[in-house]
Amino acid sequence: MTNESLYQEALTHFPGGVSSPVRAFRSVGGTPKFFKRAWGARFEDEEGRTFVDLCMSWGPLILGHAHPEVVAAVQAAAAKGMSFGCPVVCSSTSSLPEVVGDAAELFDPANDAAIRYAIETVVSDMEKSQSLVKRGYERIKQFSWDKCARDTLDVYENVLGTNIR
């Protein structure tokens, strides 16, 4: 898809084709950019062009910079959902698939239809929802502070080349 084709589609959903904070875009001229992903201070539009956010505003406001604290909070929310018997629906990007494994309904965060479909599937398909809950309980058993401490100690021992236990 191109920025222009997405803009034409957006015109059918939003007055002026953009959300209210940028409704003045028409006076600027040109076609608004439609961003599909961001990392650090960079983001990429639908046409594959990379931009640098020198003001550090667009990236974090729209797609985020994957700050470690934010990533950890999102991972914890997914893990808590699984531990509380809640079917988890989450993004197929970042580190979330590593956390949830096959115990969540994953979606492409850049695809609105995929997000809607994932949520509708879990809400309307009781068998699917129950299966995710069951797999979530099994998945969450793989995580514990004891295991984290043992794994960290293993890394230290491998790096140091000695047994420190």
C-alpha atoms as a PDB file:
ATOM      1  CA  MET A   1       0.000   0.000   0.000  1.00  0.00           C
ATOM      2  CA  THR A   2       1.075   3.572  -0.497  1.00  0.00           C
ATOM      3  CA  ASN A   3       0.639   6.635   1.698  1.00  0.00           C
ATOM      4  CA  GLU A   4      -1.719   8.035  -0.945  1.00  0.00           C
ATOM      5  CA  SER A   5      -3.944   4.928  -1.084  1.00  0.00           C
ATOM      6  CA  LEU A   6      -4.097   4.796   2.708  1.00  0.00           C
ATOM      7  CA  TYR A   7      -4.942   8.494   2.814  1.00  0.00           C
ATOM      8  CA  GLN A   8      -7.796   7.962   0.350  1.00  0.00           C
ATOM      9  CA  GLU A   9      -9.116   5.153   2.553  1.00  0.00           C
ATOM     10  CA  ALA A  10      -8.707   7.310   5.673  1.00  0.00           C
ATOM     11  CA  LEU A  11     -10.845  10.017   4.035  1.00  0.00           C
ATOM     12  CA  THR A  12     -13.777   7.586   4.231  1.00  0.00           C
ATOM     13  CA  HIS A  13     -13.308   7.197   8.002  1.00  0.00           C
ATOM     14  CA  PHE A  14     -12.037  10.555   9.342  1.00  0.00           C
ATOM     15  CA  PRO A  15     -13.008  14.123   8.468  1.00  0.00           C
ATOM     16  CA  GLY A  16     -10.121  15.372   6.361  1.00  0.00           C
ATOM     17  CA  GLY A  17      -8.569  11.889   6.375  1.00  0.00           C
ATOM     18  CA  VAL A  18      -6.627  12.401   9.585  1.00  0.00           C
ATOM     19  CA  SER A  19      -7.332  12.450  13.321  1.00  0.00           C
ATOM     20  CA  SER A  20      -8.154  15.756  14.990  1.00  0.00           C
ATOM     21  CA  PRO A  21      -4.642  16.669  16.248  1.00  0.00           C
ATOM     22  CA  VAL A  22      -3.385  16.846  12.665  1.00  0.00           C
ATOM     23  CA  ARG A  23      -6.519  18.008  10.857  1.00  0.00           C
ATOM     24  CA  ALA A  24      -4.583  21.062   9.682  1.00  0.00           C
ATOM     25  CA  PHE A  25      -2.488  18.769   7.501  1.00  0.00           C
ATOM     26  CA  ARG A  26      -4.459  19.839   4.416  1.00  0.00           C
ATOM     27  CA  SER A  27      -2.977  23.353   4.695  1.00  0.00           C
ATOM     28  CA  VAL A  28       0.531  21.846   4.725  1.00  0.00           C
ATOM     29  CA  GLY A  29      -0.077  20.089   1.420  1.00  0.00           C
ATOM     30  CA  GLY A  30       0.973  16.675   0.228  1.00  0.00           C
ATOM     31  CA  THR A  31      -0.079  13.300   1.535  1.00  0.00           C
ATOM     32  CA  PRO A  32       0.180  12.345   5.201  1.00  0.00           C
ATOM     33  CA  LYS A  33       2.630   9.588   6.053  1.00  0.00           C
ATOM     34  CA  PHE A  34       1.252   6.296   7.336  1.00  0.00           C
ATOM     35  CA  PHE A  35       3.734   4.620   9.643  1.00  0.00           C
ATOM     36  CA  LYS A  36       3.852   0.867  10.031  1.00  0.00           C
ATOM     37  CA  ARG A  37       6.639   0.432  12.591  1.00  0.00           C
ATOM     38  CA  ALA A  38       9.084   2.262  14.813  1.00  0.00           C
ATOM     39  CA  TRP A  39      12.270   1.417  16.667  1.00  0.00           C
ATOM     40  CA  GLY A  40      14.370   3.763  18.707  1.00  0.00           C
ATOM     41  CA  ALA A  41      14.158   7.202  17.135  1.00  0.00           C
ATOM     42  CA  ARG A  42      13.400   5.779  13.693  1.00  0.00           C
ATOM     43  CA  PHE A  43      10.142   4.863  12.062  1.00  0.00           C
ATOM     44  CA  GLU A  44       9.154   3.476   8.688  1.00  0.00           C
ATOM     45  CA  ASP A  45       6.214   4.470   6.512  1.00  0.00           C
ATOM     46  CA  GLU A  46       4.049   2.163   4.422  1.00  0.00           C
ATOM     47  CA  GLU A  47       6.273   2.793   1.397  1.00  0.00           C
ATOM     48  CA  GLY A  48       9.385   1.539   3.196  1.00  0.00           C
ATOM     49  CA  ARG A  49      10.995   4.940   3.786  1.00  0.00           C
ATOM     50  CA  THR A  50      12.792   5.405   7.093  1.00  0.00           C
ATOM     51  CA  PHE A  51      12.506   8.648   9.069  1.00  0.00           C
ATOM     52  CA  VAL A  52      14.453   9.876  12.088  1.00  0.00           C
ATOM     53  CA  ASP A  53      12.417  11.522  14.845  1.00  0.00           C
ATOM     54  CA  LEU A  54      14.769  14.347  15.811  1.00  0.00           C
ATOM     55  CA  CYS A  55      12.197  15.810  18.221  1.00  0.00           C
ATOM     56  CA  MET A  56      11.591  12.421  19.880  1.00  0.00           C
ATOM     57  CA  SER A  57       7.837  12.910  19.671  1.00  0.00           C
ATOM     58  CA  TRP A  58       6.307  10.996  16.782  1.00  0.00           C
ATOM     59  CA  GLY A  59       7.864   7.640  17.541  1.00  0.00           C
ATOM     60  CA  PRO A  60       7.007   7.454  21.233  1.00  0.00           C
ATOM     61  CA  LEU A  61       3.598   9.033  20.766  1.00  0.00           C
ATOM     62  CA  ILE A  62       2.560   6.678  17.982  1.00  0.00           C
ATOM     63  CA  LEU A  63       4.418   3.395  18.194  1.00  0.00           C
ATOM     64  CA  GLY A  64       6.832   3.733  21.070  1.00  0.00           C
ATOM     65  CA  HIS A  65      10.538   3.283  21.456  1.00  0.00           C
ATOM     66  CA  ALA A  66      10.349  -0.078  23.229  1.00  0.00           C
ATOM     67  CA  HIS A  67      11.701   1.339  26.457  1.00  0.00           C
ATOM     68  CA  PRO A  68      12.778  -1.620  28.629  1.00  0.00           C
ATOM     69  CA  GLU A  69      10.378  -0.651  31.428  1.00  0.00           C
ATOM     70  CA  VAL A  70       7.445  -0.477  29.009  1.00  0.00           C
ATOM     71  CA  VAL A  71       8.405  -3.799  27.410  1.00  0.00           C
ATOM     72  CA  ALA A  72       8.689  -5.411  30.857  1.00  0.00           C
ATOM     73  CA  ALA A  73       5.283  -4.037  31.883  1.00  0.00           C
ATOM     74  CA  VAL A  74       3.614  -5.380  28.738  1.00  0.00           C
ATOM     75  CA  GLN A  75       5.280  -8.769  29.194  1.00  0.00           C
ATOM     76  CA  ALA A  76       4.147  -8.843  32.832  1.00  0.00           C
ATOM     77  CA  ALA A  77       0.578  -7.998  31.812  1.00  0.00           C
ATOM     78  CA  ALA A  78       0.541 -10.900  29.343  1.00  0.00           C
ATOM     79  CA  ALA A  79       1.992 -13.249  31.955  1.00  0.00           C
ATOM     80  CA  LYS A  80      -0.528 -12.090  34.578  1.00  0.00           C
ATOM     81  CA  GLY A  81      -3.358 -12.599  32.120  1.00  0.00           C
ATOM     82  CA  MET A  82      -2.232 -16.182  31.561  1.00  0.00           C
ATOM     83  CA  SER A  83      -1.785 -16.821  35.300  1.00  0.00           C
ATOM     84  CA  PHE A  84      -5.258 -15.453  36.092  1.00  0.00           C
ATOM     85  CA  GLY A  85      -6.963 -17.659  33.499  1.00  0.00           C
ATOM     86  CA  CYS A  86      -7.572 -14.905  30.996  1.00  0.00           C
ATOM     87  CA  PRO A  87      -7.176 -15.660  27.287  1.00  0.00           C
ATOM     88  CA  VAL A  88      -4.418 -13.404  25.986  1.00  0.00           C
ATOM     89  CA  VAL A  89      -4.590 -11.503  22.694  1.00  0.00           C
ATOM     90  CA  CYS A  90      -1.345  -9.736  21.827  1.00  0.00           C
ATOM     91  CA  SER A  91       0.987  -8.436  19.161  1.00  0.00           C
ATOM     92  CA  SER A  92       3.021 -10.869  17.077  1.00  0.00           C
ATOM     93  CA  THR A  93       5.988  -8.489  17.226  1.00  0.00           C
ATOM     94  CA  SER A  94       8.547  -7.482  19.826  1.00  0.00           C
ATOM     95  CA  SER A  95       9.253  -9.992  22.580  1.00  0.00           C
ATOM     96  CA  LEU A  96       5.642 -10.923  23.296  1.00  0.00           C
ATOM     97  CA  PRO A  97       5.590 -14.115  21.199  1.00  0.00           C
ATOM     98  CA  GLU A  98       8.591 -15.317  23.202  1.00  0.00           C
ATOM     99  CA  VAL A  99       6.687 -14.719  26.438  1.00  0.00           C
ATOM    100  CA  VAL A 100       3.307 -16.178  25.457  1.00  0.00           C
ATOM    101  CA  GLY A 101       4.431 -18.972  23.121  1.00  0.00           C
ATOM    102  CA  ASP A 102       1.356 -20.723  21.724  1.00  0.00           C
ATOM    103  CA  ALA A 103      -0.802 -19.577  24.651  1.00  0.00           C
ATOM    104  CA  ALA A 104      -2.126 -16.406  23.016  1.00  0.00           C
ATOM    105  CA  GLU A 105      -3.968 -15.273  19.923  1.00  0.00           C
ATOM    106  CA  LEU A 106      -1.368 -13.200  18.076  1.00  0.00           C
ATOM    107  CA  PHE A 107      -2.029 -10.377  15.618  1.00  0.00           C
ATOM    108  CA  ASP A 108      -0.054  -8.036  13.384  1.00  0.00           C
ATOM    109  CA  PRO A 109      -0.231  -4.675  15.219  1.00  0.00           C
ATOM    110  CA  ALA A 110      -0.077  -2.788  11.926  1.00  0.00           C
ATOM    111  CA  ASN A 111      -3.222  -4.505  10.627  1.00  0.00           C
ATOM    112  CA  ASP A 112      -6.490  -3.234  12.119  1.00  0.00           C
ATOM    113  CA  ALA A 113      -8.481  -6.089  10.600  1.00  0.00           C
ATOM    114  CA  ALA A 114      -6.119  -8.651  12.155  1.00  0.00           C
ATOM    115  CA  ILE A 115      -6.458  -7.017  15.575  1.00  0.00           C
ATOM    116  CA  ARG A 116     -10.249  -7.022  15.317  1.00  0.00           C
ATOM    117  CA  TYR A 117     -10.281 -10.631  14.104  1.00  0.00           C
ATOM    118  CA  ALA A 118      -8.042 -11.808  16.968  1.00  0.00           C
ATOM    119  CA  ILE A 119     -10.237 -10.154  19.598  1.00  0.00           C
ATOM    120  CA  GLU A 120     -13.477 -11.351  17.999  1.00  0.00           C
ATOM    121  CA  THR A 121     -12.112 -14.892  17.744  1.00  0.00           C
ATOM    122  CA  VAL A 122     -11.268 -15.095  21.435  1.00  0.00           C
ATOM    123  CA  VAL A 123     -14.540 -13.466  22.502  1.00  0.00           C
ATOM    124  CA  SER A 124     -16.825 -15.508  20.246  1.00  0.00           C
ATOM    125  CA  ASP A 125     -15.092 -18.909  20.084  1.00  0.00           C
ATOM    126  CA  MET A 126     -15.426 -20.466  23.553  1.00  0.00           C
ATOM    127  CA  GLU A 127     -13.407 -23.538  22.559  1.00  0.00           C
ATOM    128  CA  LYS A 128     -10.537 -21.349  21.345  1.00  0.00           C
ATOM    129  CA  SER A 129     -10.737 -19.195  24.471  1.00  0.00           C
ATOM    130  CA  GLN A 130     -10.658 -22.210  26.797  1.00  0.00           C
ATOM    131  CA  SER A 131      -7.753 -23.686  24.851  1.00  0.00           C
ATOM    132  CA  LEU A 132      -5.772 -20.452  25.276  1.00  0.00           C
ATOM    133  CA  VAL A 133      -6.525 -20.403  29.005  1.00  0.00           C
ATOM    134  CA  LYS A 134      -5.332 -24.002  29.385  1.00  0.00           C
ATOM    135  CA  ARG A 135      -2.155 -23.338  27.379  1.00  0.00           C
ATOM    136  CA  GLY A 136      -1.626 -20.123  29.357  1.00  0.00           C
ATOM    137  CA  TYR A 137      -1.630 -22.017  32.653  1.00  0.00           C
ATOM    138  CA  GLU A 138       0.935 -24.445  31.245  1.00  0.00           C
ATOM    139  CA  ARG A 139       3.053 -21.670  29.769  1.00  0.00           C
ATOM    140  CA  ILE A 140       3.193 -19.583  32.939  1.00  0.00           C
ATOM    141  CA  LYS A 141       4.612 -22.558  34.865  1.00  0.00           C
ATOM    142  CA  GLN A 142       7.799 -22.123  32.812  1.00  0.00           C
ATOM    143  CA  PHE A 143       8.473 -18.757  34.475  1.00  0.00           C
ATOM    144  CA  SER A 144       9.599 -18.225  38.060  1.00  0.00           C
ATOM    145  CA  TRP A 145      12.086 -16.103  39.967  1.00  0.00           C
ATOM    146  CA  ASP A 146      13.986 -19.258  40.938  1.00  0.00           C
ATOM    147  CA  LYS A 147      14.396 -20.263  37.290  1.00  0.00           C
ATOM    148  CA  CYS A 148      15.411 -16.704  36.370  1.00  0.00           C
ATOM    149  CA  ALA A 149      18.057 -16.693  39.127  1.00  0.00           C
ATOM    150  CA  ARG A 150      19.397 -20.120  38.075  1.00  0.00           C
ATOM    151  CA  ASP A 151      19.552 -19.085  34.413  1.00  0.00           C
ATOM    152  CA  THR A 152      21.331 -15.831  35.310  1.00  0.00           C
ATOM    153  CA  LEU A 153      23.837 -17.706  37.460  1.00  0.00           C
ATOM    154  CA  ASP A 154      24.459 -20.126  34.562  1.00  0.00           C
ATOM    155  CA  VAL A 155      25.263 -17.176  32.293  1.00  0.00           C
ATOM    156  CA  TYR A 156      27.698 -15.731  34.848  1.00  0.00           C
ATOM    157  CA  GLU A 157      29.401 -19.098  35.262  1.00  0.00           C
ATOM    158  CA  ASN A 158      29.722 -19.520  31.494  1.00  0.00           C
ATOM    159  CA  VAL A 159      31.180 -16.029  31.095  1.00  0.00           C
ATOM    160  CA  LEU A 160      33.603 -16.443  34.005  1.00  0.00           C
ATOM    161  CA  GLY A 161      34.451 -20.025  33.104  1.00  0.00           C
ATOM    162  CA  THR A 162      34.077 -21.133  36.702  1.00  0.00           C
ATOM    163  CA  ASN A 163      31.535 -22.610  39.052  1.00  0.00           C
ATOM    164  CA  ILE A 164      30.538 -19.909  41.549  1.00  0.00           C
ATOM    165  CA  ARG A 165      27.891 -21.913  43.414  1.00  0.00           C
END
